[in-house]
Amino acid sequence: MIRGCTAEIQSGKHKGAVLAAAIYNRGVGYLKKGDYERAIQDFDQALRLTPKDADVLYNRGVAKAKKGDKIGGEADRAAAKRINPNVDR
């Protein structure tokens, strides 16, 4: 997952929401792998492209909490739920 997303990101073929989706998916891969710092970096980058994406915000909150930033994690998850109350389901 990480390699495939990285290849798509680096290809230069994608912009906007499509690029954000590839970056987000790579971030999810890093999150599942336990590489929270890289996941947060990818989620930050995806949010610059799609700032109102509840899934990205929610997963950045999860990564922050797992990294030890409980306050930042809760803030992101709360912001995500304001955008989409069902984001955690």
PDB file of N, CA and C in Angstrom:
ATOM      1  N   MET A   1       0.825  -1.193   0.000  1.00  0.00           N
ATOM      2  CA  MET A   1       0.000   0.000   0.000  1.00  0.00           C
ATOM      3  C   MET A   1       0.868   1.254   0.000  1.00  0.00           C
ATOM      4  N   ILE A   2       1.862   1.305   0.883  1.00  0.00           N
ATOM      5  CA  ILE A   2       2.710   2.490   0.989  1.00  0.00           C
ATOM      6  C   ILE A   2       3.485   2.713  -0.306  1.00  0.00           C
ATOM      7  N   ARG A   3       4.078   1.646  -0.838  1.00  0.00           N
ATOM      8  CA  ARG A   3       4.865   1.789  -2.068  1.00  0.00           C
ATOM      9  C   ARG A   3       4.019   2.231  -3.247  1.00  0.00           C
ATOM     10  N   GLY A   4       2.846   1.622  -3.393  1.00  0.00           N
ATOM     11  CA  GLY A   4       1.957   1.974  -4.500  1.00  0.00           C
ATOM     12  C   GLY A   4       1.499   3.422  -4.418  1.00  0.00           C
ATOM     13  N   CYS A   5       1.146   3.862  -3.217  1.00  0.00           N
ATOM     14  CA  CYS A   5       0.716   5.250  -3.041  1.00  0.00           C
ATOM     15  C   CYS A   5       1.872   6.209  -3.299  1.00  0.00           C
ATOM     16  N   THR A   6       3.054   5.857  -2.830  1.00  0.00           N
ATOM     17  CA  THR A   6       4.222   6.706  -3.054  1.00  0.00           C
ATOM     18  C   THR A   6       4.487   6.850  -4.551  1.00  0.00           C
ATOM     19  N   ALA A   7       4.379   5.755  -5.276  1.00  0.00           N
ATOM     20  CA  ALA A   7       4.590   5.810  -6.730  1.00  0.00           C
ATOM     21  C   ALA A   7       3.573   6.735  -7.386  1.00  0.00           C
ATOM     22  N   GLU A   8       2.328   6.667  -6.975  1.00  0.00           N
ATOM     23  CA  GLU A   8       1.295   7.539  -7.540  1.00  0.00           C
ATOM     24  C   GLU A   8       1.550   9.004  -7.188  1.00  0.00           C
ATOM     25  N   ILE A   9       1.957   9.255  -5.947  1.00  0.00           N
ATOM     26  CA  ILE A   9       2.243  10.614  -5.505  1.00  0.00           C
ATOM     27  C   ILE A   9       3.400  11.199  -6.310  1.00  0.00           C
ATOM     28  N   GLN A  10       4.448  10.418  -6.472  1.00  0.00           N
ATOM     29  CA  GLN A  10       5.649  10.894  -7.155  1.00  0.00           C
ATOM     30  C   GLN A  10       5.500  10.948  -8.671  1.00  0.00           C
ATOM     31  N   SER A  11       4.467  10.311  -9.206  1.00  0.00           N
ATOM     32  CA  SER A  11       4.293  10.280 -10.660  1.00  0.00           C
ATOM     33  C   SER A  11       4.016  11.656 -11.249  1.00  0.00           C
ATOM     34  N   GLY A  12       3.454  12.534 -10.445  1.00  0.00           N
ATOM     35  CA  GLY A  12       3.119  13.862 -10.935  1.00  0.00           C
ATOM     36  C   GLY A  12       1.849  13.901 -11.771  1.00  0.00           C
ATOM     37  N   LYS A  13       1.154  12.768 -11.873  1.00  0.00           N
ATOM     38  CA  LYS A  13      -0.057  12.690 -12.696  1.00  0.00           C
ATOM     39  C   LYS A  13      -1.294  13.236 -11.994  1.00  0.00           C
ATOM     40  N   HIS A  14      -1.236  13.352 -10.673  1.00  0.00           N
ATOM     41  CA  HIS A  14      -2.433  13.676  -9.905  1.00  0.00           C
ATOM     42  C   HIS A  14      -2.329  15.029  -9.225  1.00  0.00           C
ATOM     43  N   LYS A  15      -3.488  15.655  -9.072  1.00  0.00           N
ATOM     44  CA  LYS A  15      -3.584  16.941  -8.376  1.00  0.00           C
ATOM     45  C   LYS A  15      -4.860  16.932  -7.529  1.00  0.00           C
ATOM     46  N   GLY A  16      -4.974  17.905  -6.669  1.00  0.00           N
ATOM     47  CA  GLY A  16      -6.189  18.114  -5.895  1.00  0.00           C
ATOM     48  C   GLY A  16      -6.624  16.919  -5.082  1.00  0.00           C
ATOM     49  N   ALA A  17      -7.919  16.613  -5.169  1.00  0.00           N
ATOM     50  CA  ALA A  17      -8.514  15.563  -4.342  1.00  0.00           C
ATOM     51  C   ALA A  17      -7.937  14.182  -4.639  1.00  0.00           C
ATOM     52  N   VAL A  18      -7.565  13.921  -5.880  1.00  0.00           N
ATOM     53  CA  VAL A  18      -6.995  12.612  -6.229  1.00  0.00           C
ATOM     54  C   VAL A  18      -5.620  12.454  -5.577  1.00  0.00           C
ATOM     55  N   LEU A  19      -4.817  13.500  -5.632  1.00  0.00           N
ATOM     56  CA  LEU A  19      -3.516  13.478  -4.976  1.00  0.00           C
ATOM     57  C   LEU A  19      -3.696  13.357  -3.467  1.00  0.00           C
ATOM     58  N   ALA A  20      -4.634  14.101  -2.920  1.00  0.00           N
ATOM     59  CA  ALA A  20      -4.914  14.033  -1.481  1.00  0.00           C
ATOM     60  C   ALA A  20      -5.302  12.621  -1.065  1.00  0.00           C
ATOM     61  N   ALA A  21      -6.085  11.934  -1.890  1.00  0.00           N
ATOM     62  CA  ALA A  21      -6.497  10.564  -1.571  1.00  0.00           C
ATOM     63  C   ALA A  21      -5.300   9.618  -1.534  1.00  0.00           C
ATOM     64  N   ALA A  22      -4.375   9.775  -2.468  1.00  0.00           N
ATOM     65  CA  ALA A  22      -3.175   8.929  -2.475  1.00  0.00           C
ATOM     66  C   ALA A  22      -2.323   9.196  -1.239  1.00  0.00           C
ATOM     67  N   ILE A  23      -2.181  10.467  -0.874  1.00  0.00           N
ATOM     68  CA  ILE A  23      -1.399  10.828   0.310  1.00  0.00           C
ATOM     69  C   ILE A  23      -2.095  10.292   1.570  1.00  0.00           C
ATOM     70  N   TYR A  24      -3.411  10.459   1.636  1.00  0.00           N
ATOM     71  CA  TYR A  24      -4.184   9.946   2.771  1.00  0.00           C
ATOM     72  C   TYR A  24      -4.032   8.432   2.900  1.00  0.00           C
ATOM     73  N   ASN A  25      -4.172   7.729   1.790  1.00  0.00           N
ATOM     74  CA  ASN A  25      -4.060   6.263   1.838  1.00  0.00           C
ATOM     75  C   ASN A  25      -2.675   5.821   2.282  1.00  0.00           C
ATOM     76  N   ARG A  26      -1.637   6.547   1.851  1.00  0.00           N
ATOM     77  CA  ARG A  26      -0.292   6.212   2.327  1.00  0.00           C
ATOM     78  C   ARG A  26      -0.208   6.470   3.829  1.00  0.00           C
ATOM     79  N   GLY A  27      -0.822   7.554   4.284  1.00  0.00           N
ATOM     80  CA  GLY A  27      -0.847   7.845   5.721  1.00  0.00           C
ATOM     81  C   GLY A  27      -1.525   6.743   6.509  1.00  0.00           C
ATOM     82  N   VAL A  28      -2.613   6.209   5.977  1.00  0.00           N
ATOM     83  CA  VAL A  28      -3.294   5.087   6.635  1.00  0.00           C
ATOM     84  C   VAL A  28      -2.352   3.883   6.708  1.00  0.00           C
ATOM     85  N   GLY A  29      -1.594   3.651   5.643  1.00  0.00           N
ATOM     86  CA  GLY A  29      -0.613   2.570   5.654  1.00  0.00           C
ATOM     87  C   GLY A  29       0.411   2.760   6.757  1.00  0.00           C
ATOM     88  N   TYR A  30       0.927   3.982   6.884  1.00  0.00           N
ATOM     89  CA  TYR A  30       1.887   4.271   7.952  1.00  0.00           C
ATOM     90  C   TYR A  30       1.242   4.118   9.330  1.00  0.00           C
ATOM     91  N   LEU A  31      -0.011   4.548   9.459  1.00  0.00           N
ATOM     92  CA  LEU A  31      -0.727   4.417  10.731  1.00  0.00           C
ATOM     93  C   LEU A  31      -0.843   2.950  11.130  1.00  0.00           C
ATOM     94  N   LYS A  32      -1.233   2.111  10.187  1.00  0.00           N
ATOM     95  CA  LYS A  32      -1.367   0.677  10.462  1.00  0.00           C
ATOM     96  C   LYS A  32      -0.029   0.045  10.814  1.00  0.00           C
ATOM     97  N   LYS A  33       1.036   0.572  10.236  1.00  0.00           N
ATOM     98  CA  LYS A  33       2.390   0.066  10.479  1.00  0.00           C
ATOM     99  C   LYS A  33       2.949   0.545  11.826  1.00  0.00           C
ATOM    100  N   GLY A  34       2.292   1.554  12.411  1.00  0.00           N
ATOM    101  CA  GLY A  34       2.761   2.107  13.677  1.00  0.00           C
ATOM    102  C   GLY A  34       3.754   3.239  13.515  1.00  0.00           C
ATOM    103  N   ASP A  35       3.915   3.745  12.299  1.00  0.00           N
ATOM    104  CA  ASP A  35       4.811   4.870  12.030  1.00  0.00           C
ATOM    105  C   ASP A  35       3.973   6.147  12.106  1.00  0.00           C
ATOM    106  N   TYR A  36       3.690   6.573  13.328  1.00  0.00           N
ATOM    107  CA  TYR A  36       2.749   7.662  13.555  1.00  0.00           C
ATOM    108  C   TYR A  36       3.254   9.002  13.042  1.00  0.00           C
ATOM    109  N   GLU A  37       4.539   9.253  13.144  1.00  0.00           N
ATOM    110  CA  GLU A  37       5.088  10.526  12.677  1.00  0.00           C
ATOM    111  C   GLU A  37       4.880  10.680  11.168  1.00  0.00           C
ATOM    112  N   ARG A  38       5.202   9.644  10.412  1.00  0.00           N
ATOM    113  CA  ARG A  38       5.001   9.720   8.960  1.00  0.00           C
ATOM    114  C   ARG A  38       3.522   9.798   8.611  1.00  0.00           C
ATOM    115  N   ALA A  39       2.693   9.095   9.351  1.00  0.00           N
ATOM    116  CA  ALA A  39       1.252   9.162   9.115  1.00  0.00           C
ATOM    117  C   ALA A  39       0.758  10.589   9.317  1.00  0.00           C
ATOM    118  N   ILE A  40       1.183  11.221  10.398  1.00  0.00           N
ATOM    119  CA  ILE A  40       0.767  12.597  10.673  1.00  0.00           C
ATOM    120  C   ILE A  40       1.247  13.533   9.572  1.00  0.00           C
ATOM    121  N   GLN A  41       2.465  13.346   9.106  1.00  0.00           N
ATOM    122  CA  GLN A  41       2.982  14.181   8.013  1.00  0.00           C
ATOM    123  C   GLN A  41       2.119  14.039   6.764  1.00  0.00           C
ATOM    124  N   ASP A  42       1.748  12.801   6.428  1.00  0.00           N
ATOM    125  CA  ASP A  42       0.894  12.597   5.256  1.00  0.00           C
ATOM    126  C   ASP A  42      -0.493  13.184   5.473  1.00  0.00           C
ATOM    127  N   PHE A  43      -1.054  12.999   6.651  1.00  0.00           N
ATOM    128  CA  PHE A  43      -2.385  13.557   6.918  1.00  0.00           C
ATOM    129  C   PHE A  43      -2.340  15.080   6.875  1.00  0.00           C
ATOM    130  N   ASP A  44      -1.261  15.691   7.387  1.00  0.00           N
ATOM    131  CA  ASP A  44      -1.112  17.146   7.290  1.00  0.00           C
ATOM    132  C   ASP A  44      -1.113  17.592   5.829  1.00  0.00           C
ATOM    133  N   GLN A  45      -0.362  16.883   5.006  1.00  0.00           N
ATOM    134  CA  GLN A  45      -0.263  17.227   3.590  1.00  0.00           C
ATOM    135  C   GLN A  45      -1.616  17.054   2.891  1.00  0.00           C
ATOM    136  N   ALA A  46      -2.316  15.972   3.196  1.00  0.00           N
ATOM    137  CA  ALA A  46      -3.634  15.744   2.598  1.00  0.00           C
ATOM    138  C   ALA A  46      -4.615  16.835   3.023  1.00  0.00           C
ATOM    139  N   LEU A  47      -4.514  17.265   4.270  1.00  0.00           N
ATOM    140  CA  LEU A  47      -5.417  18.314   4.753  1.00  0.00           C
ATOM    141  C   LEU A  47      -5.149  19.659   4.083  1.00  0.00           C
ATOM    142  N   ARG A  48      -3.934  19.901   3.671  1.00  0.00           N
ATOM    143  CA  ARG A  48      -3.654  21.143   2.933  1.00  0.00           C
ATOM    144  C   ARG A  48      -4.402  21.140   1.594  1.00  0.00           C
ATOM    145  N   LEU A  49      -4.599  19.966   1.036  1.00  0.00           N
ATOM    146  CA  LEU A  49      -5.300  19.843  -0.248  1.00  0.00           C
ATOM    147  C   LEU A  49      -6.814  19.742  -0.070  1.00  0.00           C
ATOM    148  N   THR A  50      -7.248  19.097   1.003  1.00  0.00           N
ATOM    149  CA  THR A  50      -8.679  18.909   1.269  1.00  0.00           C
ATOM    150  C   THR A  50      -8.950  19.187   2.752  1.00  0.00           C
ATOM    151  N   PRO A  51      -8.999  20.464   3.132  1.00  0.00           N
ATOM    152  CA  PRO A  51      -9.063  20.830   4.551  1.00  0.00           C
ATOM    153  C   PRO A  51     -10.322  20.404   5.291  1.00  0.00           C
ATOM    154  N   LYS A  52     -11.369  20.091   4.604  1.00  0.00           N
ATOM    155  CA  LYS A  52     -12.630  19.708   5.270  1.00  0.00           C
ATOM    156  C   LYS A  52     -12.868  18.199   5.231  1.00  0.00           C
ATOM    157  N   ASP A  53     -11.827  17.409   5.029  1.00  0.00           N
ATOM    158  CA  ASP A  53     -11.966  15.956   4.933  1.00  0.00           C
ATOM    159  C   ASP A  53     -11.989  15.339   6.333  1.00  0.00           C
ATOM    160  N   ALA A  54     -13.153  14.906   6.759  1.00  0.00           N
ATOM    161  CA  ALA A  54     -13.326  14.367   8.109  1.00  0.00           C
ATOM    162  C   ALA A  54     -12.495  13.101   8.336  1.00  0.00           C
ATOM    163  N   ASP A  55     -12.379  12.248   7.332  1.00  0.00           N
ATOM    164  CA  ASP A  55     -11.605  11.017   7.501  1.00  0.00           C
ATOM    165  C   ASP A  55     -10.136  11.315   7.769  1.00  0.00           C
ATOM    166  N   VAL A  56      -9.595  12.273   7.038  1.00  0.00           N
ATOM    167  CA  VAL A  56      -8.189  12.639   7.229  1.00  0.00           C
ATOM    168  C   VAL A  56      -7.997  13.214   8.632  1.00  0.00           C
ATOM    169  N   LEU A  57      -8.865  14.136   9.019  1.00  0.00           N
ATOM    170  CA  LEU A  57      -8.777  14.724  10.357  1.00  0.00           C
ATOM    171  C   LEU A  57      -8.884  13.661  11.443  1.00  0.00           C
ATOM    172  N   TYR A  58      -9.845  12.770  11.294  1.00  0.00           N
ATOM    173  CA  TYR A  58     -10.052  11.743  12.305  1.00  0.00           C
ATOM    174  C   TYR A  58      -8.819  10.849  12.439  1.00  0.00           C
ATOM    175  N   ASN A  59      -8.286  10.401  11.318  1.00  0.00           N
ATOM    176  CA  ASN A  59      -7.127   9.515  11.378  1.00  0.00           C
ATOM    177  C   ASN A  59      -5.873  10.243  11.848  1.00  0.00           C
ATOM    178  N   ARG A  60      -5.751  11.536  11.552  1.00  0.00           N
ATOM    179  CA  ARG A  60      -4.638  12.285  12.116  1.00  0.00           C
ATOM    180  C   ARG A  60      -4.786  12.335  13.636  1.00  0.00           C
ATOM    181  N   GLY A  61      -6.016  12.480  14.103  1.00  0.00           N
ATOM    182  CA  GLY A  61      -6.264  12.462  15.549  1.00  0.00           C
ATOM    183  C   GLY A  61      -5.884  11.138  16.178  1.00  0.00           C
ATOM    184  N   VAL A  62      -6.194  10.057  15.504  1.00  0.00           N
ATOM    185  CA  VAL A  62      -5.814   8.728  16.002  1.00  0.00           C
ATOM    186  C   VAL A  62      -4.296   8.613  16.078  1.00  0.00           C
ATOM    187  N   ALA A  63      -3.616   9.038  15.014  1.00  0.00           N
ATOM    188  CA  ALA A  63      -2.150   8.963  14.986  1.00  0.00           C
ATOM    189  C   ALA A  63      -1.536   9.831  16.084  1.00  0.00           C
ATOM    190  N   LYS A  64      -2.069  11.036  16.267  1.00  0.00           N
ATOM    191  CA  LYS A  64      -1.552  11.909  17.318  1.00  0.00           C
ATOM    192  C   LYS A  64      -1.719  11.269  18.691  1.00  0.00           C
ATOM    193  N   ALA A  65      -2.895  10.708  18.950  1.00  0.00           N
ATOM    194  CA  ALA A  65      -3.150  10.079  20.247  1.00  0.00           C
ATOM    195  C   ALA A  65      -2.208   8.898  20.476  1.00  0.00           C
ATOM    196  N   LYS A  66      -2.014   8.084  19.448  1.00  0.00           N
ATOM    197  CA  LYS A  66      -1.122   6.927  19.582  1.00  0.00           C
ATOM    198  C   LYS A  66       0.326   7.362  19.786  1.00  0.00           C
ATOM    199  N   LYS A  67       0.665   8.527  19.270  1.00  0.00           N
ATOM    200  CA  LYS A  67       2.021   9.064  19.432  1.00  0.00           C
ATOM    201  C   LYS A  67       2.204   9.697  20.811  1.00  0.00           C
ATOM    202  N   GLY A  68       1.100   9.919  21.526  1.00  0.00           N
ATOM    203  CA  GLY A  68       1.178  10.477  22.866  1.00  0.00           C
ATOM    204  C   GLY A  68       0.586  11.861  23.007  1.00  0.00           C
ATOM    205  N   ASP A  69       0.122  12.449  21.910  1.00  0.00           N
ATOM    206  CA  ASP A  69      -0.500  13.771  21.942  1.00  0.00           C
ATOM    207  C   ASP A  69      -2.009  13.596  22.095  1.00  0.00           C
ATOM    208  N   LYS A  70      -2.427  13.317  23.307  1.00  0.00           N
ATOM    209  CA  LYS A  70      -3.838  13.029  23.558  1.00  0.00           C
ATOM    210  C   LYS A  70      -4.732  14.256  23.301  1.00  0.00           C
ATOM    211  N   ILE A  71      -4.259  15.446  23.668  1.00  0.00           N
ATOM    212  CA  ILE A  71      -5.053  16.661  23.480  1.00  0.00           C
ATOM    213  C   ILE A  71      -5.206  16.977  21.998  1.00  0.00           C
ATOM    214  N   GLY A  72      -4.107  16.927  21.257  1.00  0.00           N
ATOM    215  CA  GLY A  72      -4.165  17.167  19.818  1.00  0.00           C
ATOM    216  C   GLY A  72      -5.011  16.121  19.107  1.00  0.00           C
ATOM    217  N   GLY A  73      -4.887  14.886  19.550  1.00  0.00           N
ATOM    218  CA  GLY A  73      -5.671  13.807  18.962  1.00  0.00           C
ATOM    219  C   GLY A  73      -7.158  13.998  19.179  1.00  0.00           C
ATOM    220  N   GLU A  74      -7.520  14.384  20.391  1.00  0.00           N
ATOM    221  CA  GLU A  74      -8.932  14.600  20.693  1.00  0.00           C
ATOM    222  C   GLU A  74      -9.469  15.807  19.926  1.00  0.00           C
ATOM    223  N   ALA A  75      -8.661  16.846  19.781  1.00  0.00           N
ATOM    224  CA  ALA A  75      -9.094  18.035  19.038  1.00  0.00           C
ATOM    225  C   ALA A  75      -9.374  17.684  17.576  1.00  0.00           C
ATOM    226  N   ASP A  76      -8.489  16.899  16.970  1.00  0.00           N
ATOM    227  CA  ASP A  76      -8.706  16.497  15.574  1.00  0.00           C
ATOM    228  C   ASP A  76      -9.935  15.614  15.428  1.00  0.00           C
ATOM    229  N   ARG A  77     -10.104  14.670  16.337  1.00  0.00           N
ATOM    230  CA  ARG A  77     -11.270  13.775  16.241  1.00  0.00           C
ATOM    231  C   ARG A  77     -12.562  14.560  16.452  1.00  0.00           C
ATOM    232  N   ALA A  78     -12.557  15.518  17.366  1.00  0.00           N
ATOM    233  CA  ALA A  78     -13.744  16.350  17.601  1.00  0.00           C
ATOM    234  C   ALA A  78     -14.050  17.200  16.360  1.00  0.00           C
ATOM    235  N   ALA A  79     -13.017  17.768  15.742  1.00  0.00           N
ATOM    236  CA  ALA A  79     -13.224  18.571  14.524  1.00  0.00           C
ATOM    237  C   ALA A  79     -13.789  17.701  13.406  1.00  0.00           C
ATOM    238  N   ALA A  80     -13.285  16.482  13.295  1.00  0.00           N
ATOM    239  CA  ALA A  80     -13.785  15.562  12.270  1.00  0.00           C
ATOM    240  C   ALA A  80     -15.263  15.249  12.498  1.00  0.00           C
ATOM    241  N   LYS A  81     -15.644  15.049  13.761  1.00  0.00           N
ATOM    242  CA  LYS A  81     -17.046  14.733  14.071  1.00  0.00           C
ATOM    243  C   LYS A  81     -17.966  15.928  13.822  1.00  0.00           C
ATOM    244  N   ARG A  82     -17.438  17.134  13.933  1.00  0.00           N
ATOM    245  CA  ARG A  82     -18.255  18.310  13.595  1.00  0.00           C
ATOM    246  C   ARG A  82     -18.550  18.346  12.096  1.00  0.00           C
ATOM    247  N   ILE A  83     -17.607  17.883  11.292  1.00  0.00           N
ATOM    248  CA  ILE A  83     -17.803  17.829   9.845  1.00  0.00           C
ATOM    249  C   ILE A  83     -18.709  16.669   9.468  1.00  0.00           C
ATOM    250  N   ASN A  84     -18.458  15.511  10.083  1.00  0.00           N
ATOM    251  CA  ASN A  84     -19.232  14.302   9.799  1.00  0.00           C
ATOM    252  C   ASN A  84     -19.421  13.533  11.105  1.00  0.00           C
ATOM    253  N   PRO A  85     -20.591  13.624  11.719  1.00  0.00           N
ATOM    254  CA  PRO A  85     -20.825  12.958  13.005  1.00  0.00           C
ATOM    255  C   PRO A  85     -20.623  11.440  12.976  1.00  0.00           C
ATOM    256  N   ASN A  86     -20.647  10.838  11.812  1.00  0.00           N
ATOM    257  CA  ASN A  86     -20.501   9.387  11.699  1.00  0.00           C
ATOM    258  C   ASN A  86     -19.085   8.943  11.282  1.00  0.00           C
ATOM    259  N   VAL A  87     -18.124   9.848  11.344  1.00  0.00           N
ATOM    260  CA  VAL A  87     -16.786   9.556  10.838  1.00  0.00           C
ATOM    261  C   VAL A  87     -16.113   8.389  11.556  1.00  0.00           C
ATOM    262  N   ASP A  88     -16.434   8.140  12.781  1.00  0.00           N
ATOM    263  CA  ASP A  88     -15.764   7.078  13.535  1.00  0.00           C
ATOM    264  C   ASP A  88     -16.444   5.725  13.428  1.00  0.00           C
ATOM    265  N   ARG A  89     -17.371   5.598  12.527  1.00  0.00           N
ATOM    266  CA  ARG A  89     -18.079   4.313  12.383  1.00  0.00           C
ATOM    267  C   ARG A  89     -17.597   3.551  11.185  1.00  0.00           C
TER     268      ARG A  89
END
